Amino acid sequence: MTNNTKLTPSSEDYLETIIELTGKTDAVRSVDIASHLHVSKASVNKAMGILREAGLIEQAHYGQIYLTEQGKKQAVGVLQRHSMLKRFLVEILGIDEAIAEQDACKMEHVISDATRDRWLAWLRKVLGNP
């Protein structure tokens, strides 16, 4: 997968969940992903197949899931967009945190990298680093 390939919102959600759930081992189990996203293990297995084919994860048959370097880069980007959007909604616009979380989840999938970079720079200038 190239850097220019756009992932589906669902694939981005899975990447974001994997990076959120990984600990010191950098690995996560599919059952933990299913629990976190409130989806079936079958849904996780299907999604992991898509991410594996895209070169974003490594996983032995029903084994632990590891992000590849490209997968980490993509996941960090999604997580960064989400955090930036939520921070803007809460700290600048005064939106309730629960609503801001839901809105950031939806908005993170459509914002471009160029807009994210400029927005982050503005947020850092106005609010300082998170």
Protein backbone atom coordinates (compact mmCIF):
# COMPACT_ATOMS: atom_id res chain seq x y z
CA MET A 1 0.00 0.00 0.00
CA THR A 2 1.33 3.41 -0.84
CA ASN A 3 1.03 6.49 1.32
CA ASN A 4 -1.52 7.88 -1.13
CA THR A 5 -3.92 4.95 -0.82
CA LYS A 6 -7.01 6.02 1.12
CA LEU A 7 -8.28 3.54 3.67
CA THR A 8 -11.96 3.09 4.39
CA PRO A 9 -13.26 4.64 7.62
CA SER A 10 -13.73 1.11 8.97
CA SER A 11 -10.11 0.16 8.25
CA GLU A 12 -8.94 3.38 9.88
CA ASP A 13 -11.03 2.59 12.96
CA TYR A 14 -9.40 -0.83 13.22
CA LEU A 15 -5.90 0.66 12.89
CA GLU A 16 -6.72 3.28 15.52
CA THR A 17 -8.00 0.59 17.87
CA ILE A 18 -4.92 -1.57 17.37
CA ILE A 19 -2.55 1.27 18.23
CA GLU A 20 -4.67 2.25 21.23
CA LEU A 21 -4.66 -1.31 22.58
CA THR A 22 -1.03 -2.22 21.99
CA GLY A 23 1.16 -2.19 25.04
CA LYS A 24 4.80 -2.95 25.61
CA THR A 25 4.58 -6.01 23.37
CA ASP A 26 3.22 -4.00 20.41
CA ALA A 27 0.71 -6.81 19.90
CA VAL A 28 -3.02 -7.09 20.35
CA ARG A 29 -5.49 -9.97 20.25
CA SER A 30 -8.47 -10.00 17.92
CA VAL A 31 -10.80 -10.66 20.87
CA ASP A 32 -9.64 -7.38 22.46
CA ILE A 33 -10.31 -5.49 19.23
CA ALA A 34 -13.78 -7.04 19.00
CA SER A 35 -14.54 -6.06 22.58
CA HIS A 36 -13.26 -2.50 22.14
CA LEU A 37 -15.23 -1.87 18.93
CA HIS A 38 -18.29 -3.90 20.00
CA VAL A 39 -18.11 -6.09 16.90
CA SER A 40 -17.93 -9.84 16.35
CA LYS A 41 -14.66 -11.75 16.13
CA ALA A 42 -15.68 -12.69 12.58
CA SER A 43 -15.82 -8.98 11.69
CA VAL A 44 -12.37 -8.46 13.19
CA ASN A 45 -10.97 -11.45 11.27
CA LYS A 46 -12.34 -10.07 8.00
CA ALA A 47 -10.93 -6.61 8.71
CA MET A 48 -7.55 -8.06 9.67
CA GLY A 49 -7.44 -9.87 6.34
CA ILE A 50 -7.93 -6.55 4.54
CA LEU A 51 -5.26 -4.83 6.64
CA ARG A 52 -2.87 -7.77 6.19
CA GLU A 53 -3.32 -7.67 2.39
CA ALA A 54 -2.65 -3.92 2.50
CA GLY A 55 0.62 -4.58 4.34
CA LEU A 56 -0.48 -2.71 7.46
CA ILE A 57 -0.47 -5.61 9.94
CA GLU A 58 1.26 -8.93 10.47
CA GLN A 59 -0.63 -11.82 12.00
CA ALA A 60 -0.08 -15.54 12.08
CA HIS A 61 -3.25 -17.56 11.54
CA TYR A 62 -5.49 -16.42 14.45
CA GLY A 63 -2.40 -15.16 16.28
CA GLN A 64 -1.51 -11.84 17.82
CA ILE A 65 -1.71 -8.78 15.61
CA TYR A 66 1.24 -6.47 15.04
CA LEU A 67 1.28 -3.21 13.10
CA THR A 68 3.88 -3.00 10.36
CA GLU A 69 5.91 0.20 10.10
CA GLN A 70 3.49 1.46 7.44
CA GLY A 71 0.56 0.37 9.64
CA LYS A 72 1.98 2.29 12.61
CA LYS A 73 2.39 5.37 10.45
CA GLN A 74 -1.21 5.15 9.22
CA ALA A 75 -2.55 4.41 12.73
CA VAL A 76 -0.65 7.32 14.29
CA GLY A 77 -2.07 9.62 11.61
CA VAL A 78 -5.64 8.54 12.36
CA LEU A 79 -5.11 8.84 16.10
CA GLN A 80 -3.50 12.26 15.65
CA ARG A 81 -6.42 13.54 13.54
CA HIS A 82 -8.89 12.21 16.11
CA SER A 83 -7.08 13.82 19.05
CA MET A 84 -6.65 17.12 17.24
CA LEU A 85 -10.32 17.30 16.25
CA LYS A 86 -11.56 16.36 19.71
CA ARG A 87 -9.23 18.88 21.34
CA PHE A 88 -10.46 21.62 19.01
CA LEU A 89 -14.11 20.77 19.62
CA VAL A 90 -13.73 20.67 23.41
CA GLU A 91 -11.12 23.36 24.11
CA ILE A 92 -11.93 25.90 21.40
CA LEU A 93 -15.64 25.41 20.70
CA GLY A 94 -16.66 24.22 24.18
CA ILE A 95 -18.47 21.13 22.89
CA ASP A 96 -19.41 18.49 25.46
CA GLU A 97 -16.67 15.84 25.61
CA ALA A 98 -18.97 12.92 24.75
CA ILE A 99 -20.36 14.72 21.70
CA ALA A 100 -16.87 15.85 20.69
CA GLU A 101 -15.67 12.22 20.87
CA GLN A 102 -18.46 11.08 18.54
CA ASP A 103 -17.95 13.96 16.12
CA ALA A 104 -14.16 13.52 16.05
CA CYS A 105 -14.68 9.82 15.21
CA LYS A 106 -16.68 10.81 12.15
CA MET A 107 -14.58 13.78 11.07
CA GLU A 108 -11.18 12.06 11.35
CA HIS A 109 -11.87 10.03 8.22
CA VAL A 110 -12.35 12.93 5.83
CA ILE A 111 -9.73 15.48 6.79
CA SER A 112 -6.67 15.62 4.55
CA ASP A 113 -3.09 15.34 5.80
CA ALA A 114 -2.40 18.89 4.58
CA THR A 115 -5.33 20.29 6.56
CA ARG A 116 -4.37 18.19 9.60
CA ASP A 117 -0.82 19.55 9.53
CA ARG A 118 -1.94 23.20 9.32
CA TRP A 119 -4.65 22.68 11.95
CA LEU A 120 -2.18 21.01 14.34
CA ALA A 121 0.27 23.87 13.89
CA TRP A 122 -2.50 26.36 14.67
CA LEU A 123 -3.64 24.40 17.74
CA ARG A 124 -0.09 24.20 19.07
CA LYS A 125 0.33 27.95 18.56
CA VAL A 126 -2.94 28.78 20.32
CA LEU A 127 -3.10 26.08 23.02
CA GLY A 128 0.44 24.75 23.25
CA ASN A 129 1.36 21.09 22.90
CA PRO A 130 -1.11 18.57 24.34
